[in-house]
Protein backbone atom coordinates (compact mmCIF):
# COMPACT_ATOMS: atom_id res chain seq x y z
CA MET A 1 23.52 -23.58 -23.29
CA MET A 2 23.03 -27.35 -23.32
CA ASN A 3 19.50 -27.01 -21.97
CA LEU A 4 18.73 -24.47 -24.71
CA LEU A 5 20.04 -26.84 -27.38
CA ILE A 6 17.98 -29.70 -25.97
CA ILE A 7 14.86 -27.53 -26.11
CA ARG A 8 15.78 -26.51 -29.67
CA ASP A 9 16.19 -30.11 -30.80
CA ARG A 10 12.87 -31.09 -29.26
CA ILE A 11 11.09 -28.20 -30.96
CA CYS A 12 12.70 -29.05 -34.31
CA ALA A 13 11.79 -32.71 -33.93
CA PHE A 14 8.20 -31.79 -33.05
CA PHE A 15 7.97 -29.48 -36.06
CA GLN A 16 9.40 -32.10 -38.42
CA LYS A 17 6.90 -34.65 -37.15
CA TRP A 18 3.85 -32.40 -37.41
CA ASP A 19 4.88 -30.04 -40.24
CA PHE A 20 1.88 -31.05 -42.36
CA VAL A 21 -0.33 -29.56 -39.64
CA LEU A 22 1.84 -26.68 -38.38
CA ILE A 23 2.65 -25.15 -41.77
CA PRO A 24 -1.02 -24.57 -42.72
CA ILE A 25 -1.66 -23.12 -39.25
CA ILE A 26 1.28 -20.72 -39.65
CA LYS A 27 0.06 -19.69 -43.12
CA PHE A 28 -3.44 -19.18 -41.74
CA PHE A 29 -2.36 -16.75 -39.03
CA TYR A 30 0.18 -15.12 -41.37
CA THR A 31 -2.60 -14.37 -43.87
CA MET A 32 -4.89 -13.00 -41.18
CA ILE A 33 -2.13 -10.70 -39.90
CA VAL A 34 -1.48 -9.47 -43.44
CA PHE A 35 -5.14 -8.75 -44.07
CA TYR A 36 -5.73 -6.87 -40.83
CA SER A 37 -2.49 -4.92 -41.37
CA PHE A 38 -3.80 -3.94 -44.81
CA ARG A 39 -6.79 -2.52 -42.96
CA GLN A 40 -4.42 -0.06 -41.28
CA LEU A 41 -2.45 0.64 -44.45
CA PHE A 42 -5.53 1.15 -46.62
CA GLY A 43 -8.93 0.47 -45.00
CA TYR A 44 -11.16 2.38 -47.43
CA ASN A 45 -13.69 -0.46 -47.77
CA GLU A 46 -14.59 -1.89 -44.39
CA ASN A 47 -16.68 -4.68 -45.91
CA LEU A 48 -13.51 -6.40 -47.11
CA TYR A 49 -12.23 -6.79 -43.56
CA ARG A 50 -15.23 -8.41 -41.94
CA PHE A 51 -14.22 -11.33 -39.81
CA PRO A 52 -16.11 -14.10 -41.68
CA LEU A 53 -14.59 -13.04 -45.01
CA VAL A 54 -11.06 -12.73 -43.62
CA LEU A 55 -11.46 -16.07 -41.83
CA GLY A 56 -12.59 -17.87 -44.98
CA VAL A 57 -9.90 -16.42 -47.22
CA SER A 58 -7.21 -17.14 -44.63
CA ALA A 59 -8.40 -20.75 -44.37
CA VAL A 60 -8.06 -21.15 -48.14
CA CYS A 61 -4.65 -19.45 -48.20
CA ALA A 62 -3.39 -21.87 -45.55
CA PHE A 63 -3.09 -24.55 -48.25
CA VAL A 64 -1.64 -22.54 -51.14
CA PRO A 65 1.94 -21.40 -51.92
CA SER A 66 3.23 -18.06 -50.62
CA GLY A 67 3.13 -16.58 -54.12
CA VAL A 68 -0.63 -17.12 -54.26
CA ILE A 69 -0.99 -15.41 -50.88
CA PHE A 70 0.87 -12.42 -52.33
CA LEU A 71 -1.53 -12.28 -55.29
CA VAL A 72 -4.55 -12.52 -52.98
CA ALA A 73 -3.14 -9.66 -50.88
CA ALA A 74 -2.57 -7.62 -54.06
CA VAL A 75 -6.17 -8.18 -55.17
CA LEU A 76 -7.40 -7.19 -51.70
CA ALA A 77 -5.40 -3.93 -51.78
CA CYS A 78 -6.59 -3.04 -55.28
CA VAL A 79 -10.25 -3.79 -54.54
CA ASP A 80 -9.96 -1.75 -51.35
CA LEU A 81 -8.53 1.22 -53.28
CA VAL A 82 -11.37 1.13 -55.82
CA SER A 83 -13.56 2.65 -53.09
CA PHE A 84 -11.04 5.47 -52.77
CA SER A 85 -10.02 6.18 -56.38
CA LEU A 86 -10.15 4.10 -59.53
CA GLU A 87 -6.95 5.71 -60.83
CA VAL A 88 -5.06 4.92 -57.62
CA ALA A 89 -6.33 1.32 -57.69
CA GLY A 90 -5.09 0.98 -61.27
CA LEU A 91 -1.69 2.37 -60.33
CA MET A 92 -1.44 -0.02 -57.39
CA ALA A 93 -2.37 -2.94 -59.64
CA ALA A 94 0.34 -1.90 -62.10
CA VAL A 95 2.93 -1.79 -59.30
CA PHE A 96 1.96 -5.26 -58.07
CA LEU A 97 2.08 -6.68 -61.60
CA VAL A 98 5.53 -5.19 -62.25
CA ILE A 99 6.83 -6.68 -58.99
CA TYR A 100 5.30 -10.05 -59.76
CA PHE A 101 6.42 -10.45 -63.39
CA LEU A 102 9.84 -8.80 -63.11
CA TYR A 103 10.92 -10.41 -59.85
CA LEU A 104 8.67 -13.04 -58.29
CA ARG A 105 8.34 -15.01 -61.51
CA LEU A 106 12.13 -15.16 -61.77
CA VAL A 107 12.87 -15.66 -58.06
CA PRO A 108 9.89 -17.54 -56.59
CA GLY A 109 9.42 -18.05 -52.89
CA LYS A 110 10.44 -14.53 -51.80
CA SER A 111 7.03 -12.86 -51.80
CA TRP A 112 6.74 -13.20 -48.01
CA ILE A 113 9.68 -10.77 -47.64
CA ILE A 114 7.70 -8.07 -49.46
CA LEU A 115 4.65 -8.41 -47.23
CA ILE A 116 6.65 -8.77 -44.01
CA SER A 117 8.68 -5.66 -44.92
CA MET A 118 5.46 -3.69 -45.37
CA LEU A 119 4.10 -4.84 -42.02
CA LEU A 120 7.25 -4.38 -39.95
CA LEU A 121 7.83 -0.85 -41.27
CA MET A 122 4.72 0.20 -39.36
CA LYS A 123 6.10 -0.79 -35.94
CA LEU A 124 9.60 -2.38 -35.99
CA PRO A 125 11.50 -1.44 -39.15
CA GLY A 126 14.83 -2.56 -37.70
CA CYS A 127 13.78 -6.23 -37.70
CA ILE A 128 13.85 -6.51 -41.47
CA PRO A 129 17.47 -6.36 -42.74
CA LEU A 130 19.18 -8.64 -40.19
CA LEU A 131 16.72 -11.49 -40.66
CA VAL A 132 16.80 -11.16 -44.45
CA ALA A 133 20.61 -11.17 -44.46
CA MET A 134 20.80 -14.34 -42.36
CA LEU A 135 17.95 -16.26 -43.97
CA VAL A 136 18.08 -15.16 -47.61
CA GLY A 137 21.18 -13.08 -48.30
CA PRO A 138 21.65 -10.38 -50.96
CA VAL A 139 18.81 -11.86 -53.02
CA GLY A 140 16.46 -10.43 -50.40
CA ILE A 141 17.44 -6.81 -51.11
CA VAL A 142 15.00 -6.49 -54.03
CA PRO A 143 11.89 -7.73 -52.15
CA VAL A 144 12.80 -5.53 -49.16
CA ILE A 145 12.96 -2.51 -51.47
CA CYS A 146 9.62 -3.53 -52.98
CA GLY A 147 8.08 -3.78 -49.50
CA ILE A 148 9.38 -0.31 -48.59
CA LEU A 149 8.02 1.07 -51.87
CA LEU A 150 4.53 -0.35 -51.25
CA TYR A 151 4.50 0.87 -47.65
CA TYR A 152 5.32 4.47 -48.58
CA PHE A 153 2.87 4.23 -51.46
CA SER A 154 0.13 3.58 -48.91
CA LEU A 155 1.30 6.54 -46.80
CA HIS A 156 1.12 8.91 -49.77
CA ILE A 157 -2.37 7.64 -50.56
CA HIS A 158 -3.41 8.75 -47.06
CA GLY A 159 -1.84 12.14 -47.84
CA LEU A 160 -3.86 12.34 -51.04
CA GLN A 161 -7.19 11.71 -49.32
CA PRO A 162 -7.58 15.20 -47.73
CA LEU A 163 -6.82 16.85 -51.08
CA LEU A 164 -9.55 14.92 -52.87
CA THR A 165 -11.98 15.57 -50.03
CA ALA A 166 -11.26 19.32 -49.85
CA SER A 167 -11.28 19.87 -53.61
CA ALA A 168 -14.73 20.55 -55.01
CA ASP A 169 -13.55 19.79 -58.54
CA THR A 170 -11.73 16.45 -58.47
CA SER A 171 -10.34 17.11 -61.94
CA GLN A 172 -8.01 19.73 -60.43
CA VAL A 173 -6.13 16.98 -58.56
CA ASN A 174 -4.60 14.18 -60.60
CA PRO A 175 -4.10 11.28 -58.16
CA VAL A 176 -1.58 9.45 -60.36
CA THR A 177 0.56 12.54 -60.92
CA TYR A 178 0.42 13.41 -57.22
CA LEU A 179 1.53 9.95 -56.13
CA LEU A 180 4.32 9.64 -58.70
CA ASP A 181 5.68 13.11 -57.88
CA ASN A 182 5.63 12.53 -54.13
CA MET A 183 7.11 9.04 -54.40
CA GLY A 184 9.94 10.40 -56.53
CA GLN A 185 10.69 13.15 -54.01
CA ASP A 186 10.39 11.03 -50.85
CA ARG A 187 13.92 11.07 -49.45
CA GLU A 188 12.91 9.21 -46.30
CA MET A 189 11.82 6.23 -48.41
CA LEU A 190 15.12 6.38 -50.28
CA LEU A 191 17.00 6.50 -46.96
CA PHE A 192 15.40 3.26 -45.74
CA MET A 193 16.09 1.57 -49.07
CA VAL A 194 19.79 2.52 -49.02
CA VAL A 195 20.39 1.80 -45.33
CA PHE A 196 18.60 -1.55 -45.38
CA SER A 197 20.46 -2.62 -48.53
CA VAL A 198 23.82 -1.72 -46.95
CA VAL A 199 22.93 -3.50 -43.70
CA ILE A 200 21.90 -6.66 -45.56
CA MET A 201 25.16 -6.72 -47.55
CA VAL A 202 27.41 -5.99 -44.54
CA THR A 203 25.64 -8.49 -42.30
CA TYR A 204 25.69 -11.19 -44.98
CA LEU A 205 29.41 -10.78 -45.80
CA ILE A 206 30.41 -11.03 -42.14
CA TYR A 207 27.91 -13.80 -41.46
CA ARG A 208 29.39 -15.93 -44.27
CA SER A 209 33.00 -15.29 -43.28
CA SER A 210 35.24 -17.92 -41.68
CA MET A 211 36.00 -16.01 -38.47
CA LYS A 212 34.98 -17.37 -35.11
CA GLN A 213 31.55 -16.34 -33.84
CA ALA A 214 30.87 -14.78 -37.24
CA TRP A 215 27.10 -14.77 -36.72
CA GLY A 216 27.32 -12.83 -33.43
CA ILE A 217 29.74 -10.31 -34.93
CA ALA A 218 27.50 -9.97 -37.99
CA ILE A 219 24.45 -9.22 -35.84
CA ALA A 220 26.33 -6.65 -33.74
CA ILE A 221 27.86 -4.85 -36.74
CA GLY A 222 24.57 -5.02 -38.63
CA MET A 223 22.72 -3.41 -35.73
CA THR A 224 25.39 -0.71 -35.40
CA THR A 225 25.36 0.01 -39.12
CA MET A 226 21.59 0.32 -39.14
CA ILE A 227 21.46 2.65 -36.13
CA LEU A 228 24.25 4.91 -37.40
CA GLY A 229 22.86 4.93 -40.94
CA LEU A 230 19.35 5.90 -39.90
CA LEU A 231 20.58 8.51 -37.41
CA ALA A 232 22.93 10.06 -39.96
CA GLY A 233 20.15 10.04 -42.54
CA SER A 234 17.69 11.69 -40.17
CA ILE A 235 20.23 14.47 -39.52
CA LEU A 236 20.96 14.98 -43.21
CA LEU A 237 17.30 14.96 -44.15
CA GLU A 238 16.38 17.05 -41.09
CA ARG A 239 13.59 14.66 -40.25
CA GLU A 240 12.65 13.09 -36.94
CA LEU A 241 12.64 9.33 -37.47
CA GLY A 242 12.38 8.56 -33.77
CA ILE A 243 15.58 7.56 -31.96
CA ASN A 244 13.63 5.39 -29.50
CA VAL A 245 11.95 3.44 -32.30
CA ILE A 246 15.28 2.95 -34.08
CA LEU A 247 17.10 1.73 -30.97
CA PHE A 248 14.25 -0.46 -29.75
CA GLY A 249 13.71 -1.99 -33.20
CA SER A 250 17.43 -2.67 -33.60
CA VAL A 251 17.72 -4.40 -30.23
CA ILE A 252 14.62 -6.50 -30.90
CA SER A 253 15.93 -7.42 -34.34
CA GLY A 254 19.26 -8.50 -32.82
CA LEU A 255 17.51 -10.74 -30.26
CA ILE A 256 15.26 -12.29 -32.91
CA ALA A 257 18.24 -12.86 -35.21
CA ALA A 258 20.13 -14.60 -32.37
CA VAL A 259 17.16 -16.90 -31.68
CA VAL A 260 16.85 -17.69 -35.39
CA GLN A 261 20.55 -18.53 -35.54
CA VAL A 262 20.25 -20.91 -32.59
CA PHE A 263 17.51 -22.81 -34.40
CA LYS A 264 19.34 -22.64 -37.71
CA CYS A 265 22.82 -23.76 -36.69
CA VAL A 266 25.19 -23.68 -33.71
CA VAL A 267 28.81 -24.72 -34.29
CA ASP A 268 31.55 -25.91 -31.92
CA TYR A 269 34.66 -23.80 -32.59
CA SER A 270 36.69 -25.83 -30.09
CA ARG A 271 36.78 -28.74 -32.55
CA THR A 272 37.74 -26.74 -35.65
CA GLU A 273 39.93 -28.61 -38.13
CA ILE A 274 42.03 -27.40 -41.05
CA VAL A 275 42.12 -30.00 -43.82
CA GLN A 276 44.59 -29.90 -46.69
CA PHE A 277 44.47 -31.98 -49.85
CA GLU A 278 45.36 -31.65 -53.54
CA ASP A 279 44.54 -32.81 -57.00
CA ASP A 280 46.33 -32.44 -60.33
CA ASP A 281 45.67 -28.70 -60.56
CA TYR A 282 45.11 -27.22 -57.09
CA TYR A 283 45.93 -27.36 -53.41
CA TYR A 284 42.87 -27.15 -51.17
CA TYR A 285 42.79 -25.74 -47.64
CA VAL A 286 39.45 -26.41 -45.97
CA LYS A 287 38.39 -25.14 -42.57
CA ALA A 288 35.85 -27.53 -41.06
CA VAL A 289 33.80 -26.43 -38.05
CA PRO A 290 31.45 -29.15 -36.72
CA LYS A 291 27.88 -28.38 -35.78
CA LEU A 292 26.98 -28.67 -32.14
CA VAL A 293 24.50 -31.50 -31.80
CA ILE A 294 23.10 -32.90 -28.58
CA ALA A 295 22.79 -36.65 -28.67
CA GLN A 296 19.60 -37.62 -26.91
CA LYS A 297 19.35 -40.96 -25.26
CA ASP A 298 16.73 -43.35 -26.45
CA VAL A 299 15.74 -45.22 -23.30
CA ASN A 300 13.04 -47.84 -23.27
CA VAL A 301 11.74 -48.78 -19.87
CA LYS A 302 10.16 -52.19 -19.57
CA LYS A 303 8.07 -53.08 -16.59
CA ILE A 304 8.35 -56.69 -15.51
CA ASN A 305 5.65 -58.02 -13.23
CA ALA A 306 6.79 -60.98 -11.13
CA ARG A 307 4.36 -63.85 -10.85
CA HIS A 308 3.00 -64.41 -7.37
CA LYS A 309 3.30 -67.90 -6.07
CA LYS A 310 0.23 -69.50 -4.63
C-alpha cells in the first residue's frame, strides 16, 4: 500500500508541475475519441471524419473549455445528420440547444459527463454511474440522463434509415414523428435512466457517510445495485441486455472507481478522532479522519572532491 501511495504522490506531483502541458494533451485525445465515436453513432458524412480535419479541430479544442467542446461535437452531429435527413438534423439541433440552455448554462463544467455517457454506453455502460457518484454526486444525474437520451436517439436514427431507403415516397414516413414515438416508447432507455439514477444516489449517500471504509462499501453496493437493477429490468422488459456485458462492465467500473479513489483521497481510520466543542447555541460533535500522506524525504547529495597534494 505504501508503494502505491508513493507512486500516486509522484504522479500527482508530476501532473501539478506539468498541468499546463498535460491538460491540453488530454483534451486533444478526448476530442479525437469523441469525434471518432460519433462516426460510429452517426457516420452519414464520411468527409467530416477525415483525419486532417479531425486532427485540426482536436488541436483547437485542446485549448478551449469543455463547454465549447460540447458545442463543437453538437455541430458535428448536426452537420453529419444533414446528409441523412434535414428534419432529423433539425430535431437533433433542438435537443442539443435544450440541453445547453436548460442545464449547461446553469451548471457549467458538466458537459463532459454527457459525452462520456454517450461513448461508454456503446461498450461499458456500467462505468458511468459509479464514477459520476464519486466525482460529481447527484448533480451528475441530469447529464447522465442527457447522454443516455442522445445515445438512444442515435440508435433510433439507424432504425429509421431502412424505412427511408425502402420507401419510394419519403412523404409517407415522417422522420420526426417516427423518432419521437419510438423514443417515447423505448422502455430500455427508461430502464437505464432509472437504474443509473438510483445507483448514483445510493453510491453517493454511502460514499459521503461517516462509516469506516465508506468508499469501498459504496463501490460494492453500487455495483450490486446496478447488476440487480439491470437484470431485473431485463426480465421485466423481456429483453436480452447481455449478462456478460453487465457483469464485465460493473467489475471494470468498480476497479476504475477504486483507482480514482486512491488518487482522490486515502484516509487513515486508525487515527480517527472525535472532537467535541460548543458555542452559545449548540454542541458540536465532529469526527475527524486524517488523510494518509506519505512524507517524502528531500535529500541533497553533495559531492566533495578532495584536493590532491603535490
